[in-house]
Amino acid sequence: VGMTLNLNDVPLLEGARELAETGVRSSIFDDNRALLPDLAVPQGAVGDLLFDPQTAGGLLAAVPANAVAKTMYDLNKLGCDAAVIGHCTDQADGFKIV
């Protein structure tokens, strides 16, 4: 299978984008980014935030496509700030960020 992450759909903590745009990063940002040197990540603050451990901690779940709407409804009803940020494909094309 393959996976596509829609960068613009990833929720950000308040103020995170603004700090990243000024170059504020964790001291281990470079080490984290070096773990995936061949991963094509769009340039910019939001792409950088994917590798900043200060913004990590959210729960990521894979949900069957036919269950996404109900899962989102249920999570939002419980007060969770849930978002669909990507999808799996039937192509063995690896992981892509768009």
PDB file of N, CA and C in Angstrom:
ATOM      1  N   VAL A   1       0.833  -1.191   0.000  1.00  0.00           N
ATOM      2  CA  VAL A   1       0.000   0.000   0.000  1.00  0.00           C
ATOM      3  C   VAL A   1       0.874   1.249   0.000  1.00  0.00           C
ATOM      4  N   GLY A   2       0.255   2.360  -0.254  1.00  0.00           N
ATOM      5  CA  GLY A   2       0.914   3.657  -0.153  1.00  0.00           C
ATOM      6  C   GLY A   2       0.123   4.548   0.785  1.00  0.00           C
ATOM      7  N   MET A   3       0.721   5.650   1.157  1.00  0.00           N
ATOM      8  CA  MET A   3       0.044   6.603   2.042  1.00  0.00           C
ATOM      9  C   MET A   3       0.310   8.017   1.560  1.00  0.00           C
ATOM     10  N   THR A   4      -0.706   8.851   1.640  1.00  0.00           N
ATOM     11  CA  THR A   4      -0.577  10.258   1.288  1.00  0.00           C
ATOM     12  C   THR A   4      -1.018  11.095   2.471  1.00  0.00           C
ATOM     13  N   LEU A   5      -0.171  12.024   2.874  1.00  0.00           N
ATOM     14  CA  LEU A   5      -0.482  12.956   3.947  1.00  0.00           C
ATOM     15  C   LEU A   5      -0.739  14.312   3.321  1.00  0.00           C
ATOM     16  N   ASN A   6      -1.879  14.903   3.618  1.00  0.00           N
ATOM     17  CA  ASN A   6      -2.230  16.234   3.116  1.00  0.00           C
ATOM     18  C   ASN A   6      -1.752  17.256   4.145  1.00  0.00           C
ATOM     19  N   LEU A   7      -0.628  17.868   3.876  1.00  0.00           N
ATOM     20  CA  LEU A   7       0.035  18.756   4.821  1.00  0.00           C
ATOM     21  C   LEU A   7      -0.883  19.865   5.335  1.00  0.00           C
ATOM     22  N   ASN A   8      -1.686  20.433   4.462  1.00  0.00           N
ATOM     23  CA  ASN A   8      -2.555  21.540   4.871  1.00  0.00           C
ATOM     24  C   ASN A   8      -3.710  21.100   5.764  1.00  0.00           C
ATOM     25  N   ASP A   9      -3.925  19.786   5.903  1.00  0.00           N
ATOM     26  CA  ASP A   9      -4.998  19.282   6.756  1.00  0.00           C
ATOM     27  C   ASP A   9      -4.520  18.916   8.159  1.00  0.00           C
ATOM     28  N   VAL A  10      -3.208  18.981   8.407  1.00  0.00           N
ATOM     29  CA  VAL A  10      -2.661  18.652   9.723  1.00  0.00           C
ATOM     30  C   VAL A  10      -2.954  19.812  10.673  1.00  0.00           C
ATOM     31  N   PRO A  11      -3.695  19.554  11.762  1.00  0.00           N
ATOM     32  CA  PRO A  11      -3.969  20.629  12.719  1.00  0.00           C
ATOM     33  C   PRO A  11      -2.677  21.088  13.397  1.00  0.00           C
ATOM     34  N   LEU A  12      -2.577  22.373  13.648  1.00  0.00           N
ATOM     35  CA  LEU A  12      -1.400  22.942  14.301  1.00  0.00           C
ATOM     36  C   LEU A  12      -1.798  23.585  15.612  1.00  0.00           C
ATOM     37  N   LEU A  13      -0.895  23.520  16.584  1.00  0.00           N
ATOM     38  CA  LEU A  13      -1.117  24.227  17.835  1.00  0.00           C
ATOM     39  C   LEU A  13      -1.099  25.726  17.566  1.00  0.00           C
ATOM     40  N   GLU A  14      -1.877  26.472  18.329  1.00  0.00           N
ATOM     41  CA  GLU A  14      -1.924  27.920  18.161  1.00  0.00           C
ATOM     42  C   GLU A  14      -0.527  28.515  18.302  1.00  0.00           C
ATOM     43  N   GLY A  15      -0.131  29.302  17.325  1.00  0.00           N
ATOM     44  CA  GLY A  15       1.158  29.976  17.352  1.00  0.00           C
ATOM     45  C   GLY A  15       2.310  29.168  16.774  1.00  0.00           C
ATOM     46  N   ALA A  16       2.097  27.878  16.515  1.00  0.00           N
ATOM     47  CA  ALA A  16       3.189  27.024  16.027  1.00  0.00           C
ATOM     48  C   ALA A  16       3.688  27.477  14.657  1.00  0.00           C
ATOM     49  N   ARG A  17       2.782  27.768  13.750  1.00  0.00           N
ATOM     50  CA  ARG A  17       3.185  28.186  12.401  1.00  0.00           C
ATOM     51  C   ARG A  17       4.018  29.467  12.465  1.00  0.00           C
ATOM     52  N   GLU A  18       3.547  30.427  13.248  1.00  0.00           N
ATOM     53  CA  GLU A  18       4.244  31.705  13.341  1.00  0.00           C
ATOM     54  C   GLU A  18       5.661  31.521  13.890  1.00  0.00           C
ATOM     55  N   LEU A  19       5.814  30.688  14.902  1.00  0.00           N
ATOM     56  CA  LEU A  19       7.146  30.431  15.449  1.00  0.00           C
ATOM     57  C   LEU A  19       8.032  29.729  14.417  1.00  0.00           C
ATOM     58  N   ALA A  20       7.475  28.727  13.740  1.00  0.00           N
ATOM     59  CA  ALA A  20       8.256  27.998  12.735  1.00  0.00           C
ATOM     60  C   ALA A  20       8.672  28.923  11.596  1.00  0.00           C
ATOM     61  N   GLU A  21       7.806  29.861  11.231  1.00  0.00           N
ATOM     62  CA  GLU A  21       8.143  30.803  10.154  1.00  0.00           C
ATOM     63  C   GLU A  21       9.316  31.705  10.528  1.00  0.00           C
ATOM     64  N   THR A  22       9.548  31.899  11.810  1.00  0.00           N
ATOM     65  CA  THR A  22      10.682  32.720  12.245  1.00  0.00           C
ATOM     66  C   THR A  22      11.926  31.874  12.501  1.00  0.00           C
ATOM     67  N   GLY A  23      11.821  30.561  12.258  1.00  0.00           N
ATOM     68  CA  GLY A  23      12.974  29.679  12.417  1.00  0.00           C
ATOM     69  C   GLY A  23      13.105  29.044  13.780  1.00  0.00           C
ATOM     70  N   VAL A  24      12.128  29.228  14.661  1.00  0.00           N
ATOM     71  CA  VAL A  24      12.174  28.606  15.986  1.00  0.00           C
ATOM     72  C   VAL A  24      11.924  27.112  15.829  1.00  0.00           C
ATOM     73  N   ARG A  25      12.882  26.322  16.322  1.00  0.00           N
ATOM     74  CA  ARG A  25      12.781  24.857  16.236  1.00  0.00           C
ATOM     75  C   ARG A  25      13.382  24.244  17.490  1.00  0.00           C
ATOM     76  N   SER A  26      12.983  23.037  17.761  1.00  0.00           N
ATOM     77  CA  SER A  26      13.559  22.292  18.870  1.00  0.00           C
ATOM     78  C   SER A  26      15.030  21.995  18.587  1.00  0.00           C
ATOM     79  N   SER A  27      15.774  21.773  19.642  1.00  0.00           N
ATOM     80  CA  SER A  27      17.201  21.457  19.474  1.00  0.00           C
ATOM     81  C   SER A  27      17.425  20.129  18.757  1.00  0.00           C
ATOM     82  N   ILE A  28      16.420  19.255  18.714  1.00  0.00           N
ATOM     83  CA  ILE A  28      16.610  17.971  18.017  1.00  0.00           C
ATOM     84  C   ILE A  28      15.847  17.899  16.692  1.00  0.00           C
ATOM     85  N   PHE A  29      15.389  19.051  16.197  1.00  0.00           N
ATOM     86  CA  PHE A  29      14.721  19.094  14.902  1.00  0.00           C
ATOM     87  C   PHE A  29      15.603  18.474  13.817  1.00  0.00           C
ATOM     88  N   ASP A  30      16.855  18.888  13.745  1.00  0.00           N
ATOM     89  CA  ASP A  30      17.755  18.393  12.692  1.00  0.00           C
ATOM     90  C   ASP A  30      17.945  16.886  12.782  1.00  0.00           C
ATOM     91  N   ASP A  31      18.065  16.347  13.994  1.00  0.00           N
ATOM     92  CA  ASP A  31      18.204  14.893  14.164  1.00  0.00           C
ATOM     93  C   ASP A  31      16.953  14.174  13.674  1.00  0.00           C
ATOM     94  N   ASN A  32      15.781  14.707  14.010  1.00  0.00           N
ATOM     95  CA  ASN A  32      14.537  14.087  13.554  1.00  0.00           C
ATOM     96  C   ASN A  32      14.431  14.121  12.037  1.00  0.00           C
ATOM     97  N   ARG A  33      14.747  15.246  11.428  1.00  0.00           N
ATOM     98  CA  ARG A  33      14.650  15.362   9.966  1.00  0.00           C
ATOM     99  C   ARG A  33      15.641  14.428   9.286  1.00  0.00           C
ATOM    100  N   ALA A  34      16.806  14.226   9.903  1.00  0.00           N
ATOM    101  CA  ALA A  34      17.837  13.361   9.323  1.00  0.00           C
ATOM    102  C   ALA A  34      17.411  11.894   9.291  1.00  0.00           C
ATOM    103  N   LEU A  35      16.416  11.518  10.064  1.00  0.00           N
ATOM    104  CA  LEU A  35      15.939  10.134  10.068  1.00  0.00           C
ATOM    105  C   LEU A  35      15.271   9.746   8.752  1.00  0.00           C
ATOM    106  N   LEU A  36      14.748  10.730   8.022  1.00  0.00           N
ATOM    107  CA  LEU A  36      14.066  10.475   6.744  1.00  0.00           C
ATOM    108  C   LEU A  36      14.614  11.404   5.668  1.00  0.00           C
ATOM    109  N   PRO A  37      15.892  11.254   5.347  1.00  0.00           N
ATOM    110  CA  PRO A  37      16.517  12.202   4.417  1.00  0.00           C
ATOM    111  C   PRO A  37      15.932  12.182   3.009  1.00  0.00           C
ATOM    112  N   ASP A  38      15.361  11.066   2.587  1.00  0.00           N
ATOM    113  CA  ASP A  38      14.846  10.959   1.224  1.00  0.00           C
ATOM    114  C   ASP A  38      13.361  11.307   1.109  1.00  0.00           C
ATOM    115  N   LEU A  39      12.714  11.596   2.223  1.00  0.00           N
ATOM    116  CA  LEU A  39      11.295  11.940   2.182  1.00  0.00           C
ATOM    117  C   LEU A  39      11.121  13.360   1.657  1.00  0.00           C
ATOM    118  N   ALA A  40      10.374  13.480   0.587  1.00  0.00           N
ATOM    119  CA  ALA A  40      10.107  14.797   0.003  1.00  0.00           C
ATOM    120  C   ALA A  40       9.051  15.501   0.846  1.00  0.00           C
ATOM    121  N   VAL A  41       9.451  16.592   1.466  1.00  0.00           N
ATOM    122  CA  VAL A  41       8.556  17.377   2.313  1.00  0.00           C
ATOM    123  C   VAL A  41       8.475  18.781   1.723  1.00  0.00           C
ATOM    124  N   PRO A  42       7.267  19.296   1.525  1.00  0.00           N
ATOM    125  CA  PRO A  42       7.160  20.658   1.016  1.00  0.00           C
ATOM    126  C   PRO A  42       7.936  21.630   1.900  1.00  0.00           C
ATOM    127  N   GLN A  43       8.634  22.560   1.274  1.00  0.00           N
ATOM    128  CA  GLN A  43       9.408  23.557   2.003  1.00  0.00           C
ATOM    129  C   GLN A  43       8.484  24.486   2.777  1.00  0.00           C
ATOM    130  N   GLY A  44       8.918  24.870   3.946  1.00  0.00           N
ATOM    131  CA  GLY A  44       8.165  25.851   4.708  1.00  0.00           C
ATOM    132  C   GLY A  44       7.917  25.435   6.142  1.00  0.00           C
ATOM    133  N   ALA A  45       7.281  26.335   6.857  1.00  0.00           N
ATOM    134  CA  ALA A  45       7.069  26.166   8.288  1.00  0.00           C
ATOM    135  C   ALA A  45       6.248  24.923   8.623  1.00  0.00           C
ATOM    136  N   VAL A  46       5.170  24.678   7.891  1.00  0.00           N
ATOM    137  CA  VAL A  46       4.303  23.542   8.224  1.00  0.00           C
ATOM    138  C   VAL A  46       5.036  22.226   7.979  1.00  0.00           C
ATOM    139  N   GLY A  47       5.772  22.132   6.891  1.00  0.00           N
ATOM    140  CA  GLY A  47       6.580  20.931   6.648  1.00  0.00           C
ATOM    141  C   GLY A  47       7.602  20.712   7.748  1.00  0.00           C
ATOM    142  N   ASP A  48       8.221  21.792   8.200  1.00  0.00           N
ATOM    143  CA  ASP A  48       9.190  21.690   9.289  1.00  0.00           C
ATOM    144  C   ASP A  48       8.548  21.187  10.572  1.00  0.00           C
ATOM    145  N   LEU A  49       7.316  21.591  10.834  1.00  0.00           N
ATOM    146  CA  LEU A  49       6.652  21.190  12.072  1.00  0.00           C
ATOM    147  C   LEU A  49       6.421  19.686  12.168  1.00  0.00           C
ATOM    148  N   LEU A  50       6.423  18.995  11.028  1.00  0.00           N
ATOM    149  CA  LEU A  50       6.265  17.537  11.063  1.00  0.00           C
ATOM    150  C   LEU A  50       7.421  16.856  11.787  1.00  0.00           C
ATOM    151  N   PHE A  51       8.541  17.539  11.914  1.00  0.00           N
ATOM    152  CA  PHE A  51       9.738  16.954  12.519  1.00  0.00           C
ATOM    153  C   PHE A  51      10.102  17.590  13.857  1.00  0.00           C
ATOM    154  N   ASP A  52       9.266  18.481  14.343  1.00  0.00           N
ATOM    155  CA  ASP A  52       9.568  19.171  15.599  1.00  0.00           C
ATOM    156  C   ASP A  52       8.876  18.443  16.749  1.00  0.00           C
ATOM    157  N   PRO A  53       9.643  17.848  17.671  1.00  0.00           N
ATOM    158  CA  PRO A  53       9.035  17.057  18.736  1.00  0.00           C
ATOM    159  C   PRO A  53       8.166  17.873  19.692  1.00  0.00           C
ATOM    160  N   GLN A  54       8.315  19.176  19.698  1.00  0.00           N
ATOM    161  CA  GLN A  54       7.478  20.000  20.567  1.00  0.00           C
ATOM    162  C   GLN A  54       6.025  19.988  20.125  1.00  0.00           C
ATOM    163  N   THR A  55       5.791  19.656  18.862  1.00  0.00           N
ATOM    164  CA  THR A  55       4.423  19.659  18.354  1.00  0.00           C
ATOM    165  C   THR A  55       3.888  18.237  18.192  1.00  0.00           C
ATOM    166  N   ALA A  56       4.635  17.250  18.645  1.00  0.00           N
ATOM    167  CA  ALA A  56       4.192  15.861  18.533  1.00  0.00           C
ATOM    168  C   ALA A  56       3.275  15.505  19.699  1.00  0.00           C
ATOM    169  N   GLY A  57       2.626  14.384  19.589  1.00  0.00           N
ATOM    170  CA  GLY A  57       1.839  13.907  20.698  1.00  0.00           C
ATOM    171  C   GLY A  57       0.414  13.555  20.343  1.00  0.00           C
ATOM    172  N   GLY A  58      -0.007  13.894  19.131  1.00  0.00           N
ATOM    173  CA  GLY A  58      -1.366  13.551  18.737  1.00  0.00           C
ATOM    174  C   GLY A  58      -1.499  12.064  18.437  1.00  0.00           C
ATOM    175  N   LEU A  59      -2.703  11.594  18.453  1.00  0.00           N
ATOM    176  CA  LEU A  59      -2.987  10.196  18.138  1.00  0.00           C
ATOM    177  C   LEU A  59      -3.269  10.082  16.648  1.00  0.00           C
ATOM    178  N   LEU A  60      -2.623   9.139  15.999  1.00  0.00           N
ATOM    179  CA  LEU A  60      -2.853   8.883  14.587  1.00  0.00           C
ATOM    180  C   LEU A  60      -3.523   7.523  14.461  1.00  0.00           C
ATOM    181  N   ALA A  61      -4.623   7.467  13.739  1.00  0.00           N
ATOM    182  CA  ALA A  61      -5.353   6.211  13.577  1.00  0.00           C
ATOM    183  C   ALA A  61      -5.667   5.986  12.109  1.00  0.00           C
ATOM    184  N   ALA A  62      -5.561   4.748  11.679  1.00  0.00           N
ATOM    185  CA  ALA A  62      -5.988   4.367  10.335  1.00  0.00           C
ATOM    186  C   ALA A  62      -7.396   3.794  10.458  1.00  0.00           C
ATOM    187  N   VAL A  63      -8.308   4.358   9.684  1.00  0.00           N
ATOM    188  CA  VAL A  63      -9.709   3.977   9.752  1.00  0.00           C
ATOM    189  C   VAL A  63     -10.162   3.566   8.357  1.00  0.00           C
ATOM    190  N   PRO A  64     -10.904   2.472   8.217  1.00  0.00           N
ATOM    191  CA  PRO A  64     -11.409   2.103   6.885  1.00  0.00           C
ATOM    192  C   PRO A  64     -12.194   3.257   6.268  1.00  0.00           C
ATOM    193  N   ALA A  65     -12.051   3.437   4.970  1.00  0.00           N
ATOM    194  CA  ALA A  65     -12.679   4.563   4.275  1.00  0.00           C
ATOM    195  C   ALA A  65     -14.183   4.636   4.535  1.00  0.00           C
ATOM    196  N   ASN A  66     -14.836   3.496   4.621  1.00  0.00           N
ATOM    197  CA  ASN A  66     -16.284   3.515   4.817  1.00  0.00           C
ATOM    198  C   ASN A  66     -16.682   3.831   6.261  1.00  0.00           C
ATOM    199  N   ALA A  67     -15.712   4.004   7.154  1.00  0.00           N
ATOM    200  CA  ALA A  67     -16.006   4.322   8.549  1.00  0.00           C
ATOM    201  C   ALA A  67     -15.541   5.722   8.945  1.00  0.00           C
ATOM    202  N   VAL A  68     -14.953   6.465   8.015  1.00  0.00           N
ATOM    203  CA  VAL A  68     -14.388   7.775   8.352  1.00  0.00           C
ATOM    204  C   VAL A  68     -15.457   8.737   8.852  1.00  0.00           C
ATOM    205  N   ALA A  69     -16.553   8.873   8.139  1.00  0.00           N
ATOM    206  CA  ALA A  69     -17.584   9.844   8.519  1.00  0.00           C
ATOM    207  C   ALA A  69     -18.124   9.557   9.916  1.00  0.00           C
ATOM    208  N   LYS A  70     -18.444   8.318  10.214  1.00  0.00           N
ATOM    209  CA  LYS A  70     -18.972   7.974  11.534  1.00  0.00           C
ATOM    210  C   LYS A  70     -17.911   8.164  12.610  1.00  0.00           C
ATOM    211  N   THR A  71     -16.679   7.780  12.320  1.00  0.00           N
ATOM    212  CA  THR A  71     -15.602   7.952  13.292  1.00  0.00           C
ATOM    213  C   THR A  71     -15.400   9.425  13.617  1.00  0.00           C
ATOM    214  N   MET A  72     -15.380  10.277  12.594  1.00  0.00           N
ATOM    215  CA  MET A  72     -15.225  11.706  12.814  1.00  0.00           C
ATOM    216  C   MET A  72     -16.402  12.265  13.614  1.00  0.00           C
ATOM    217  N   TYR A  73     -17.597  11.839  13.286  1.00  0.00           N
ATOM    218  CA  TYR A  73     -18.784  12.282  14.017  1.00  0.00           C
ATOM    219  C   TYR A  73     -18.669  11.901  15.494  1.00  0.00           C
ATOM    220  N   ASP A  74     -18.333  10.642  15.742  1.00  0.00           N
ATOM    221  CA  ASP A  74     -18.232  10.148  17.122  1.00  0.00           C
ATOM    222  C   ASP A  74     -17.141  10.883  17.902  1.00  0.00           C
ATOM    223  N   LEU A  75     -15.979  11.070  17.283  1.00  0.00           N
ATOM    224  CA  LEU A  75     -14.887  11.757  17.966  1.00  0.00           C
ATOM    225  C   LEU A  75     -15.248  13.212  18.274  1.00  0.00           C
ATOM    226  N   ASN A  76     -15.840  13.892  17.313  1.00  0.00           N
ATOM    227  CA  ASN A  76     -16.235  15.284  17.528  1.00  0.00           C
ATOM    228  C   ASN A  76     -17.322  15.388  18.596  1.00  0.00           C
ATOM    229  N   LYS A  77     -18.246  14.427  18.621  1.00  0.00           N
ATOM    230  CA  LYS A  77     -19.298  14.409  19.626  1.00  0.00           C
ATOM    231  C   LYS A  77     -18.705  14.263  21.034  1.00  0.00           C
ATOM    232  N   LEU A  78     -17.582  13.543  21.132  1.00  0.00           N
ATOM    233  CA  LEU A  78     -16.896  13.361  22.409  1.00  0.00           C
ATOM    234  C   LEU A  78     -16.014  14.552  22.778  1.00  0.00           C
ATOM    235  N   GLY A  79     -15.937  15.525  21.883  1.00  0.00           N
ATOM    236  CA  GLY A  79     -15.138  16.710  22.162  1.00  0.00           C
ATOM    237  C   GLY A  79     -13.702  16.626  21.677  1.00  0.00           C
ATOM    238  N   CYS A  80     -13.390  15.603  20.913  1.00  0.00           N
ATOM    239  CA  CYS A  80     -12.035  15.461  20.380  1.00  0.00           C
ATOM    240  C   CYS A  80     -11.859  16.363  19.165  1.00  0.00           C
ATOM    241  N   ASP A  81     -10.697  16.969  19.058  1.00  0.00           N
ATOM    242  CA  ASP A  81     -10.378  17.806  17.905  1.00  0.00           C
ATOM    243  C   ASP A  81      -9.757  16.897  16.846  1.00  0.00           C
ATOM    244  N   ALA A  82     -10.600  16.180  16.125  1.00  0.00           N
ATOM    245  CA  ALA A  82     -10.143  15.186  15.157  1.00  0.00           C
ATOM    246  C   ALA A  82     -10.118  15.767  13.752  1.00  0.00           C
ATOM    247  N   ALA A  83      -9.224  15.243  12.928  1.00  0.00           N
ATOM    248  CA  ALA A  83      -9.112  15.694  11.541  1.00  0.00           C
ATOM    249  C   ALA A  83      -8.654  14.541  10.662  1.00  0.00           C
ATOM    250  N   VAL A  84      -9.146  14.510   9.449  1.00  0.00           N
ATOM    251  CA  VAL A  84      -8.661  13.564   8.446  1.00  0.00           C
ATOM    252  C   VAL A  84      -7.483  14.248   7.766  1.00  0.00           C
ATOM    253  N   ILE A  85      -6.301  13.629   7.837  1.00  0.00           N
ATOM    254  CA  ILE A  85      -5.097  14.275   7.302  1.00  0.00           C
ATOM    255  C   ILE A  85      -4.476  13.529   6.133  1.00  0.00           C
ATOM    256  N   GLY A  86      -5.095  12.451   5.703  1.00  0.00           N
ATOM    257  CA  GLY A  86      -4.535  11.715   4.578  1.00  0.00           C
ATOM    258  C   GLY A  86      -5.335  10.467   4.297  1.00  0.00           C
ATOM    259  N   HIS A  87      -4.724   9.618   3.480  1.00  0.00           N
ATOM    260  CA  HIS A  87      -5.404   8.373   3.113  1.00  0.00           C
ATOM    261  C   HIS A  87      -4.390   7.332   2.646  1.00  0.00           C
ATOM    262  N   CYS A  88      -4.820   6.096   2.704  1.00  0.00           N
ATOM    263  CA  CYS A  88      -4.023   4.983   2.172  1.00  0.00           C
ATOM    264  C   CYS A  88      -4.450   4.748   0.730  1.00  0.00           C
ATOM    265  N   THR A  89      -3.532   4.234  -0.059  1.00  0.00           N
ATOM    266  CA  THR A  89      -3.841   3.912  -1.445  1.00  0.00           C
ATOM    267  C   THR A  89      -3.527   2.450  -1.694  1.00  0.00           C
ATOM    268  N   ASP A  90      -3.957   1.950  -2.822  1.00  0.00           N
ATOM    269  CA  ASP A  90      -3.633   0.568  -3.181  1.00  0.00           C
ATOM    270  C   ASP A  90      -2.383   0.499  -4.047  1.00  0.00           C
ATOM    271  N   GLN A  91      -1.666   1.614  -4.144  1.00  0.00           N
ATOM    272  CA  GLN A  91      -0.425   1.672  -4.905  1.00  0.00           C
ATOM    273  C   GLN A  91       0.758   1.500  -3.961  1.00  0.00           C
ATOM    274  N   ALA A  92       1.713   0.673  -4.324  1.00  0.00           N
ATOM    275  CA  ALA A  92       2.904   0.476  -3.493  1.00  0.00           C
ATOM    276  C   ALA A  92       3.908   1.586  -3.794  1.00  0.00           C
ATOM    277  N   ASP A  93       3.453   2.829  -3.551  1.00  0.00           N
ATOM    278  CA  ASP A  93       4.306   3.965  -3.895  1.00  0.00           C
ATOM    279  C   ASP A  93       4.867   4.683  -2.678  1.00  0.00           C
ATOM    280  N   GLY A  94       4.812   4.035  -1.534  1.00  0.00           N
ATOM    281  CA  GLY A  94       5.426   4.598  -0.340  1.00  0.00           C
ATOM    282  C   GLY A  94       4.588   5.692   0.295  1.00  0.00           C
ATOM    283  N   PHE A  95       5.285   6.559   0.998  1.00  0.00           N
ATOM    284  CA  PHE A  95       4.665   7.629   1.766  1.00  0.00           C
ATOM    285  C   PHE A  95       4.929   8.954   1.073  1.00  0.00           C
ATOM    286  N   LYS A  96       3.858   9.710   0.809  1.00  0.00           N
ATOM    287  CA  LYS A  96       3.996  10.994   0.135  1.00  0.00           C
ATOM    288  C   LYS A  96       3.330  12.079   0.979  1.00  0.00           C
ATOM    289  N   ILE A  97       3.930  13.247   0.950  1.00  0.00           N
ATOM    290  CA  ILE A  97       3.352  14.427   1.599  1.00  0.00           C
ATOM    291  C   ILE A  97       3.031  15.418   0.498  1.00  0.00           C
ATOM    292  N   VAL A  98       1.773  15.836   0.460  1.00  0.00           N
ATOM    293  CA  VAL A  98       1.335  16.800  -0.559  1.00  0.00           C
ATOM    294  C   VAL A  98       0.760  18.038   0.097  1.00  0.00           C
TER     295      VAL A  98
END
